[in-house]
């Protein structure tokens, strides 16, 4: 069985890859488990050095890998390079903080010595999506291997080239064979892996539906899961803002990665006194973005990653128009899965662009009159990944932010991830946390060590 990598800008086949045989998947699992027995004994100093090597290797492979990302899933090439630089930086952050973040915790209790120590669990399976094909793998794999686990990656079949490139990065950086392994596999092979005793946890980034399915399988097999799922992030704009500043950030927040980001600004909740001006300025700014071949440095909007995502955006756009919405977005008559970014006015709660996750460059604009109303609109969703509040009154901004039901909320900044800050969602946006020292505890045995005097 083979899978094809399709360039969404040209609709041409990039390459074909063989799905691994069951025996190959079993062999990779066995090698990963055998390596785990050795890797868990590797010193922190050695792991730190390998992380620094990894950062250097990512930078050395940046241009070729950025081009591969762009060809396989349509990300503008400048953003692909930035994604890789962020991966390298993350490796350095964990290298710099490894000793502090992995240090034993001292406790006072009724014995002579009480410590909390972190120990690895075994082989951890990562199931990753296509939209940030290197970053989402690295943000999981770096802390997971630093603790002492080994990793098997089951990447999206839309980006098989990227999946193999990541394995090459770890190999070139000097990691022992089996610390990081990539499989190109079917759903049934993935489910089989989760059931195996060597697999001690699963990290999935993807849709809410995929998360529910993996959580069900993992639960039946009593495996720990970390799930980073969909989002419908609110972008709340108060009446006291500098509109030029906010609109500039709104464009980035909505259209980064062609709008295909879990933490993209999805619902613009704007004070009624400035809503008309905001809509006009945002609509104009979106209209000026350059659409085209994402391999060109000056292109800002590339295609949707695949036919399924393209058709979903079409459906959401048609639904909004049928229910009385107005939009400046459109489907241009050019080859490829392109969508011209635009705002959606007069959105209703029943519209798909409001109640569903919008994984493309559509910007529905809702209005509010009081802070309480803004908070209520923001929380009126099944998702809870991120959000942002925009105001010159920082006290007001923080007060609103504290009431938003989400894993990360920003005041006067777009929602973003940072290796120094925990990242994840609540409600149907997921379980667990990635990044910072919190990630090191997700796939670790948080062991209590207690020593008492022998009398």
Protein backbone atom coordinates (compact mmCIF):
# COMPACT_ATOMS: atom_id res chain seq x y z
CA UNK A 1 0.00 0.00 0.00
CA UNK A 2 1.24 3.48 -0.85
CA UNK A 3 0.38 7.05 0.12
CA UNK A 4 0.91 10.12 -2.01
CA UNK A 5 2.19 13.53 -0.99
CA UNK A 6 0.25 16.18 -2.93
CA UNK A 7 1.34 19.79 -3.45
CA UNK A 8 -1.82 21.79 -2.58
CA UNK A 9 -0.66 24.78 -4.63
CA UNK A 10 -0.22 22.86 -7.88
CA UNK A 11 -2.22 19.67 -7.14
CA UNK A 12 0.77 17.69 -8.43
CA UNK A 13 2.05 14.53 -6.75
CA UNK A 14 5.26 15.26 -4.86
CA UNK A 15 6.22 11.68 -4.01
CA UNK A 16 4.88 8.26 -3.10
CA UNK A 17 5.69 6.39 0.09
CA UNK A 18 5.16 2.78 1.11
CA UNK A 19 3.00 2.06 4.15
CA UNK A 20 5.13 -0.07 6.47
CA UNK A 21 4.37 -3.75 6.88
CA UNK A 22 3.15 -4.94 10.27
CA UNK A 23 6.49 -6.62 10.86
CA UNK A 24 8.38 -3.37 10.29
CA UNK A 25 6.20 -1.51 12.80
CA UNK A 26 6.71 -4.30 15.34
CA UNK A 27 10.48 -4.19 14.80
CA UNK A 28 10.58 -0.42 15.31
CA UNK A 29 8.63 -0.79 18.55
CA UNK A 30 10.99 -3.47 19.82
CA UNK A 31 14.09 -1.40 18.95
CA UNK A 32 12.58 1.66 20.61
CA UNK A 33 11.87 -0.29 23.79
CA UNK A 34 15.36 -1.82 23.88
CA UNK A 35 16.88 1.63 23.40
CA UNK A 36 14.71 3.00 26.19
CA UNK A 37 16.44 0.69 28.66
CA UNK A 38 19.76 2.33 27.77
CA UNK A 39 18.55 5.87 27.12
CA UNK A 40 16.91 6.26 30.53
CA UNK A 41 20.37 5.82 32.10
CA UNK A 42 21.99 8.51 29.92
CA UNK A 43 23.20 11.50 31.93
CA UNK A 44 21.40 14.81 31.83
CA UNK A 45 24.62 16.41 30.60
CA UNK A 46 24.68 14.07 27.59
CA UNK A 47 21.03 14.76 26.82
CA UNK A 48 21.71 18.51 27.06
CA UNK A 49 24.54 18.23 24.56
CA UNK A 50 22.38 16.26 22.15
CA UNK A 51 19.69 18.95 22.38
CA UNK A 52 22.28 21.57 21.42
CA UNK A 53 23.35 19.33 18.54
CA UNK A 54 19.71 19.04 17.50
CA UNK A 55 19.31 22.81 17.44
CA UNK A 56 22.36 23.11 15.21
CA UNK A 57 21.16 20.31 12.93
CA UNK A 58 17.71 21.90 12.52
CA UNK A 59 19.36 25.14 11.45
CA UNK A 60 21.68 23.32 9.04
CA UNK A 61 18.68 21.57 7.45
CA UNK A 62 16.44 24.65 7.59
CA UNK A 63 16.31 25.61 3.93
CA UNK A 64 15.70 22.13 2.53
CA UNK A 65 13.16 21.28 5.23
CA UNK A 66 11.31 24.59 4.88
CA UNK A 67 10.92 23.95 1.16
CA UNK A 68 9.67 20.43 1.86
CA UNK A 69 7.09 21.73 4.36
CA UNK A 70 5.85 24.30 1.86
CA UNK A 71 5.56 21.80 -0.97
CA UNK A 72 3.78 19.18 1.15
CA UNK A 73 1.22 21.38 2.95
CA UNK A 74 1.32 24.88 1.46
CA UNK A 75 2.83 26.94 4.29
CA UNK A 76 4.40 30.23 3.04
CA UNK A 77 8.15 29.64 2.89
CA UNK A 78 8.99 32.51 5.27
CA UNK A 79 6.72 30.99 7.90
CA UNK A 80 8.26 27.56 7.31
CA UNK A 81 11.72 28.96 8.06
CA UNK A 82 10.40 30.68 11.19
CA UNK A 83 8.82 27.41 12.37
CA UNK A 84 12.17 25.63 12.11
CA UNK A 85 13.98 28.40 13.95
CA UNK A 86 11.43 28.09 16.76
CA UNK A 87 12.14 24.35 16.94
CA UNK A 88 15.88 25.00 17.26
CA UNK A 89 15.27 27.62 19.95
CA UNK A 90 13.04 25.21 21.88
CA UNK A 91 15.81 22.61 21.92
CA UNK A 92 18.14 25.26 23.35
CA UNK A 93 15.61 26.35 25.99
CA UNK A 94 15.28 22.78 27.26
CA UNK A 95 19.04 22.28 27.16
CA UNK A 96 19.55 25.47 29.19
CA UNK A 97 16.91 24.55 31.79
CA UNK A 98 17.28 20.76 31.96
CA UNK A 99 19.04 20.57 35.32
CA UNK A 100 16.66 23.01 36.99
CA UNK A 101 13.48 21.56 35.49
CA UNK A 102 14.47 17.96 36.23
CA UNK A 103 15.86 18.61 39.70
CA UNK A 104 14.58 16.59 42.63
CA UNK A 105 12.01 18.37 44.77
CA UNK A 106 12.66 18.44 48.51
CA UNK A 107 9.72 17.95 50.88
CA UNK A 108 9.31 18.04 54.63
CA UNK A 109 7.31 15.20 56.19
CA UNK A 110 7.72 12.76 59.07
CA UNK A 111 10.84 10.91 57.85
CA UNK A 112 14.53 11.66 57.40
CA UNK A 113 14.32 12.42 53.70
CA UNK A 114 11.47 13.05 51.28
CA UNK A 115 12.00 13.74 47.60
CA UNK A 116 9.92 13.93 44.43
CA UNK A 117 11.87 12.56 41.48
CA UNK A 118 11.01 12.31 37.79
CA UNK A 119 11.64 9.04 36.00
CA UNK A 120 10.74 8.07 32.41
CA UNK A 121 7.91 5.70 31.56
CA UNK A 122 9.03 3.91 28.39
CA UNK A 123 8.09 4.33 24.73
CA UNK A 124 5.74 7.24 23.98
CA UNK A 125 3.72 7.39 20.76
CA UNK A 126 3.24 10.78 19.10
CA UNK A 127 0.35 11.17 16.64
CA UNK A 128 0.82 14.50 14.88
CA UNK A 129 -0.99 16.66 12.28
CA UNK A 130 0.10 18.31 9.07
CA UNK A 131 -0.37 22.02 9.86
CA UNK A 132 2.86 22.64 11.79
CA UNK A 133 4.63 19.49 10.65
CA UNK A 134 7.96 20.06 12.40
CA UNK A 135 7.02 22.26 15.38
CA UNK A 136 4.22 20.12 16.76
CA UNK A 137 6.48 17.08 16.70
CA UNK A 138 9.44 18.85 18.30
CA UNK A 139 7.42 20.46 21.09
CA UNK A 140 6.34 16.94 22.08
CA UNK A 141 9.53 15.01 21.36
CA UNK A 142 12.07 17.36 22.94
CA UNK A 143 10.73 17.27 26.53
CA UNK A 144 9.61 13.64 26.22
CA UNK A 145 13.07 12.37 25.26
CA UNK A 146 14.78 14.73 27.71
CA UNK A 147 13.00 12.97 30.59
CA UNK A 148 14.42 9.67 29.31
CA UNK A 149 11.60 8.21 27.22
CA UNK A 150 11.97 7.08 23.64
CA UNK A 151 9.54 8.27 20.96
CA UNK A 152 7.75 6.76 17.97
CA UNK A 153 6.16 9.27 15.59
CA UNK A 154 3.03 8.49 13.59
CA UNK A 155 2.73 11.64 11.52
CA UNK A 156 -0.06 12.76 9.23
CA UNK A 157 0.05 10.91 5.92
CA UNK A 158 -0.19 14.32 4.25
CA UNK A 159 3.42 15.11 5.24
CA UNK A 160 5.44 11.87 5.05
CA UNK A 161 8.52 13.67 3.79
CA UNK A 162 8.52 15.93 6.84
CA UNK A 163 8.07 12.91 9.11
CA UNK A 164 11.18 11.25 7.72
CA UNK A 165 13.11 14.53 7.82
CA UNK A 166 12.54 14.81 11.58
CA UNK A 167 13.96 11.32 12.11
CA UNK A 168 16.98 12.39 10.06
CA UNK A 169 17.44 15.46 12.27
CA UNK A 170 17.65 13.34 15.40
CA UNK A 171 20.02 10.90 13.72
CA UNK A 172 22.33 13.62 12.41
CA UNK A 173 22.34 15.27 15.85
CA UNK A 174 23.84 12.09 17.29
CA UNK A 175 20.88 10.55 19.10
CA UNK A 176 21.21 6.76 19.45
CA UNK A 177 19.10 4.75 17.02
CA UNK A 178 15.68 4.10 18.50
CA UNK A 179 15.42 7.22 20.67
CA UNK A 180 13.31 8.82 17.93
CA UNK A 181 11.68 6.71 15.22
CA UNK A 182 9.18 7.48 12.47
CA UNK A 183 6.58 5.07 11.16
CA UNK A 184 4.43 5.48 8.06
CA UNK A 185 1.44 3.46 9.11
CA UNK A 186 -2.31 2.91 8.91
CA UNK A 187 -4.90 3.73 11.57
CA UNK A 188 -5.22 0.05 12.45
CA UNK A 189 -1.45 -0.27 12.94
CA UNK A 190 -1.53 2.81 15.16
CA UNK A 191 -4.32 1.33 17.27
CA UNK A 192 -2.31 -1.89 17.58
CA UNK A 193 0.69 0.08 18.83
CA UNK A 194 -1.35 1.75 21.56
CA UNK A 195 -2.40 -1.66 22.84
CA UNK A 196 1.19 -2.88 23.27
CA UNK A 197 2.73 -2.98 26.74
CA UNK A 198 5.88 -1.13 25.64
CA UNK A 199 3.84 1.96 24.74
CA UNK A 200 3.34 3.86 27.99
CA UNK A 201 1.65 7.02 26.70
CA UNK A 202 0.21 8.78 23.67
CA UNK A 203 0.42 12.43 22.66
CA UNK A 204 -1.95 13.58 19.94
CA UNK A 205 -2.36 16.94 18.29
CA UNK A 206 -5.32 17.02 15.95
CA UNK A 207 -9.08 17.32 15.68
CA UNK A 208 -11.47 16.87 18.57
CA UNK A 209 -12.87 13.78 16.84
CA UNK A 210 -9.42 12.21 16.49
CA UNK A 211 -8.65 13.05 20.12
CA UNK A 212 -11.82 11.35 21.34
CA UNK A 213 -11.01 8.22 19.32
CA UNK A 214 -7.42 7.98 20.57
CA UNK A 215 -8.48 8.71 24.16
CA UNK A 216 -11.01 5.86 23.93
CA UNK A 217 -8.39 3.40 22.70
CA UNK A 218 -5.79 4.60 25.20
CA UNK A 219 -8.32 4.44 28.03
CA UNK A 220 -9.17 0.83 27.25
CA UNK A 221 -5.47 0.06 27.51
CA UNK A 222 -4.86 2.31 30.56
CA UNK A 223 -2.37 4.55 28.74
CA UNK A 224 -1.68 8.17 29.64
CA UNK A 225 -2.73 10.68 26.98
CA UNK A 226 -1.96 14.31 26.22
CA UNK A 227 -4.38 15.82 23.71
CA UNK A 228 -4.04 19.20 21.98
CA UNK A 229 -7.18 19.54 19.92
CA UNK A 230 -9.25 22.16 18.12
CA UNK A 231 -9.93 25.73 19.07
CA UNK A 232 -12.25 28.64 18.40
CA UNK A 233 -10.21 31.35 20.05
CA UNK A 234 -11.90 34.67 20.92
CA UNK A 235 -10.17 37.93 19.98
CA UNK A 236 -11.83 40.58 22.18
CA UNK A 237 -11.37 44.21 21.10
CA UNK A 238 -12.29 46.93 23.61
CA UNK A 239 -13.31 50.43 22.57
CA UNK A 240 -10.12 52.17 23.82
CA UNK A 241 -7.65 50.46 21.49
CA UNK A 242 -5.36 51.80 18.78
CA UNK A 243 -7.11 50.24 15.80
CA UNK A 244 -4.01 50.23 13.58
CA UNK A 245 -2.09 48.21 16.17
CA UNK A 246 -4.94 45.78 16.79
CA UNK A 247 -5.81 45.22 13.13
CA UNK A 248 -2.17 44.50 12.29
CA UNK A 249 -2.16 41.77 14.95
CA UNK A 250 -5.61 40.55 13.94
CA UNK A 251 -4.35 39.85 10.43
CA UNK A 252 -1.41 37.83 11.76
CA UNK A 253 -3.57 36.05 14.31
CA UNK A 254 -6.16 35.04 11.73
CA UNK A 255 -4.02 34.23 8.67
CA UNK A 256 -0.80 32.70 10.00
CA UNK A 257 -0.27 29.34 8.30
CA UNK A 258 -3.07 30.28 5.89
CA UNK A 259 -5.47 30.36 8.84
CA UNK A 260 -4.79 26.69 9.63
CA UNK A 261 -3.79 26.96 13.26
CA UNK A 262 -5.54 25.65 16.37
CA UNK A 263 -4.67 28.86 18.21
CA UNK A 264 -5.56 31.25 15.40
CA UNK A 265 -7.96 34.08 16.26
CA UNK A 266 -11.25 32.52 15.16
CA UNK A 267 -13.99 34.83 16.53
CA UNK A 268 -13.50 38.61 16.60
CA UNK A 269 -15.60 40.02 19.43
CA UNK A 270 -15.55 43.80 19.04
CA UNK A 271 -17.10 46.62 21.09
CA UNK A 272 -20.14 47.90 19.23
CA UNK A 273 -18.88 51.50 19.20
CA UNK A 274 -15.87 50.62 17.00
CA UNK A 275 -17.11 47.47 15.25
CA UNK A 276 -17.81 49.16 11.92
CA UNK A 277 -14.38 50.82 11.75
CA UNK A 278 -12.65 47.63 12.86
CA UNK A 279 -14.46 45.58 10.20
CA UNK A 280 -13.58 48.09 7.50
CA UNK A 281 -9.89 48.20 8.43
CA UNK A 282 -9.57 44.42 8.89
CA UNK A 283 -11.38 43.75 5.63
CA UNK A 284 -9.07 46.13 3.76
CA UNK A 285 -5.97 44.62 5.36
CA UNK A 286 -7.01 41.07 4.50
CA UNK A 287 -7.82 42.13 0.95
CA UNK A 288 -4.26 43.41 0.47
CA UNK A 289 -2.55 40.12 1.39
CA UNK A 290 -0.71 38.53 -1.51
CA UNK A 291 -1.98 35.09 -2.51
CA UNK A 292 0.05 32.73 -4.63
CA UNK A 293 2.89 30.23 -4.83
CA UNK A 294 3.97 29.76 -1.19
CA UNK A 295 7.56 29.12 -2.31
CA UNK A 296 7.83 32.83 -3.19
CA UNK A 297 9.19 34.95 -0.35
CA UNK A 298 6.67 37.75 -0.87
CA UNK A 299 3.57 35.51 -0.76
CA UNK A 300 1.54 35.84 2.46
CA UNK A 301 -1.30 33.39 1.80
CA UNK A 302 -0.81 29.94 0.35
CA UNK A 303 -3.38 27.21 -0.27
CA UNK A 304 -5.39 25.12 2.15
CA UNK A 305 -3.36 22.01 2.89
CA UNK A 306 -5.58 19.48 1.14
CA UNK A 307 -8.88 18.95 -0.62
CA UNK A 308 -10.75 18.07 2.56
CA UNK A 309 -9.80 21.31 4.31
CA UNK A 310 -10.57 23.30 1.16
CA UNK A 311 -14.05 21.80 0.91
CA UNK A 312 -14.72 22.40 4.60
CA UNK A 313 -13.95 26.12 4.22
CA UNK A 314 -16.19 26.26 1.16
CA UNK A 315 -18.99 24.68 3.17
CA UNK A 316 -18.58 27.14 6.04
CA UNK A 317 -18.56 30.08 3.65
CA UNK A 318 -21.67 28.90 1.81
CA UNK A 319 -23.46 28.26 5.11
CA UNK A 320 -22.74 31.82 6.28
CA UNK A 321 -24.11 33.33 3.06
CA UNK A 322 -27.23 31.15 3.14
CA UNK A 323 -27.97 32.31 6.70
CA UNK A 324 -27.75 36.03 5.94
CA UNK A 325 -24.05 36.68 6.47
CA UNK A 326 -21.97 38.97 4.29
CA UNK A 327 -18.34 38.31 3.44
CA UNK A 328 -15.36 39.70 1.59
CA UNK A 329 -13.80 36.22 1.37
CA UNK A 330 -14.05 34.26 -1.85
CA UNK A 331 -12.73 31.23 -3.69
CA UNK A 332 -10.49 32.55 -6.50
CA UNK A 333 -10.63 30.85 -9.88
CA UNK A 334 -7.04 29.67 -9.88
CA UNK A 335 -5.43 26.25 -9.69
CA UNK A 336 -4.85 24.93 -6.20
CA UNK A 337 -6.74 24.94 -2.91
CA UNK A 338 -6.70 28.71 -2.43
CA UNK A 339 -9.10 30.81 -0.37
CA UNK A 340 -9.01 34.62 -0.49
CA UNK A 341 -9.12 35.86 3.14
CA UNK A 342 -12.01 37.99 4.27
CA UNK A 343 -14.32 39.06 7.08
CA UNK A 344 -17.79 37.65 7.76
CA UNK A 345 -20.42 40.16 8.90
CA UNK A 346 -23.78 39.53 10.54
CA UNK A 347 -22.69 36.16 11.96
CA UNK A 348 -25.27 34.13 13.86
CA UNK A 349 -24.73 31.49 16.53
CA UNK A 350 -26.16 28.86 14.18
CA UNK A 351 -23.53 29.54 11.51
CA UNK A 352 -20.68 27.10 11.03
CA UNK A 353 -18.16 29.97 11.10
CA UNK A 354 -19.21 30.65 14.71
CA UNK A 355 -19.96 27.23 16.20
CA UNK A 356 -17.31 25.17 14.38
CA UNK A 357 -13.54 25.52 14.29
CA UNK A 358 -12.69 27.58 11.20
CA UNK A 359 -9.43 26.22 9.80
CA UNK A 360 -8.92 28.84 7.14
CA UNK A 361 -8.76 32.62 6.62
CA UNK A 362 -12.36 33.60 7.46
CA UNK A 363 -12.87 36.25 10.16
CA UNK A 364 -16.40 36.46 11.65
CA UNK A 365 -16.99 39.70 13.56
CA UNK A 366 -19.37 39.71 16.53
CA UNK A 367 -20.16 42.71 18.76
CA UNK A 368 -20.59 43.39 22.49
CA UNK A 369 -21.65 46.31 24.65
CA UNK A 370 -20.36 45.30 28.12
CA UNK A 371 -17.36 43.35 29.35
CA UNK A 372 -19.69 40.74 30.80
CA UNK A 373 -21.29 40.27 27.41
CA UNK A 374 -17.87 39.91 25.75
CA UNK A 375 -16.89 37.23 28.26
CA UNK A 376 -20.18 35.39 27.74
CA UNK A 377 -19.71 35.37 23.95
CA UNK A 378 -16.09 34.27 24.30
CA UNK A 379 -17.06 31.33 26.52
CA UNK A 380 -20.04 30.29 24.40
CA UNK A 381 -18.11 27.52 22.66
CA UNK A 382 -17.23 23.89 23.23
CA UNK A 383 -13.56 24.79 22.81
CA UNK A 384 -11.09 26.28 25.29
CA UNK A 385 -7.62 26.49 23.80
CA UNK A 386 -6.56 30.15 23.68
CA UNK A 387 -7.79 33.72 23.46
CA UNK A 388 -6.74 37.34 23.55
CA UNK A 389 -7.99 40.67 24.92
CA UNK A 390 -7.04 44.04 23.46
CA UNK A 391 -7.23 47.22 25.55
CA UNK A 392 -5.04 50.06 26.80
CA UNK A 393 -6.42 49.44 30.29
CA UNK A 394 -4.21 46.56 31.44
CA UNK A 395 -6.17 46.02 34.65
CA UNK A 396 -9.37 45.67 32.64
CA UNK A 397 -7.65 43.39 30.16
CA UNK A 398 -6.37 41.07 32.87
CA UNK A 399 -9.77 41.02 34.57
CA UNK A 400 -11.45 39.90 31.33
CA UNK A 401 -8.66 37.43 30.54
CA UNK A 402 -9.06 35.70 33.90
CA UNK A 403 -12.72 35.00 33.06
CA UNK A 404 -12.08 33.43 29.66
CA UNK A 405 -12.30 29.64 29.72
CA UNK A 406 -9.09 28.65 27.95
CA UNK A 407 -5.66 27.18 28.55
CA UNK A 408 -3.83 30.34 27.46
CA UNK A 409 -5.06 33.93 27.33
CA UNK A 410 -3.04 36.95 26.21
CA UNK A 411 -3.58 40.65 26.79
CA UNK A 412 -2.46 42.78 23.83
CA UNK A 413 -0.80 39.87 22.03
CA UNK A 414 -1.99 37.18 19.66
CA UNK A 415 -2.24 33.71 21.12
CA UNK A 416 1.07 31.92 20.68
CA UNK A 417 3.16 29.10 22.11
CA UNK A 418 6.49 29.59 23.87
CA UNK A 419 8.78 26.80 25.19
CA UNK A 420 9.02 28.62 28.54
CA UNK A 421 5.23 28.73 29.08
CA UNK A 422 2.78 25.81 29.47
CA UNK A 423 0.47 25.19 26.53
CA UNK A 424 -2.78 23.24 26.19
CA UNK A 425 -6.54 23.44 26.35
CA UNK A 426 -9.66 22.67 28.35
CA UNK A 427 -13.17 21.53 27.41
CA UNK A 428 -13.04 19.92 23.94
CA UNK A 429 -9.68 21.53 23.20
CA UNK A 430 -7.77 18.84 25.02
CA UNK A 431 -6.12 17.33 28.07
CA UNK A 432 -2.69 17.86 29.61
CA UNK A 433 0.02 20.41 28.95
CA UNK A 434 2.94 20.78 26.60
CA UNK A 435 6.03 23.00 26.84
CA UNK A 436 7.83 24.50 29.86
CA UNK A 437 8.67 22.28 32.85
CA UNK A 438 5.05 21.12 32.92
CA UNK A 439 5.65 19.03 29.77
CA UNK A 440 8.41 17.10 31.52
CA UNK A 441 5.85 15.75 34.00
CA UNK A 442 3.26 14.52 31.52
CA UNK A 443 5.15 11.38 30.49
CA UNK A 444 7.08 10.78 33.68
CA UNK A 445 6.70 8.80 36.84
CA UNK A 446 6.41 11.49 39.50
CA UNK A 447 7.86 9.29 42.19
CA UNK A 448 7.78 10.01 45.90
CA UNK A 449 11.01 8.78 47.54
CA UNK A 450 10.79 8.50 51.33
CA UNK A 451 13.60 7.54 53.70
CA UNK A 452 13.06 6.73 57.39
CA UNK A 453 15.49 5.88 60.14
CA UNK A 454 15.90 2.16 60.96
CA UNK A 455 15.38 1.82 64.69
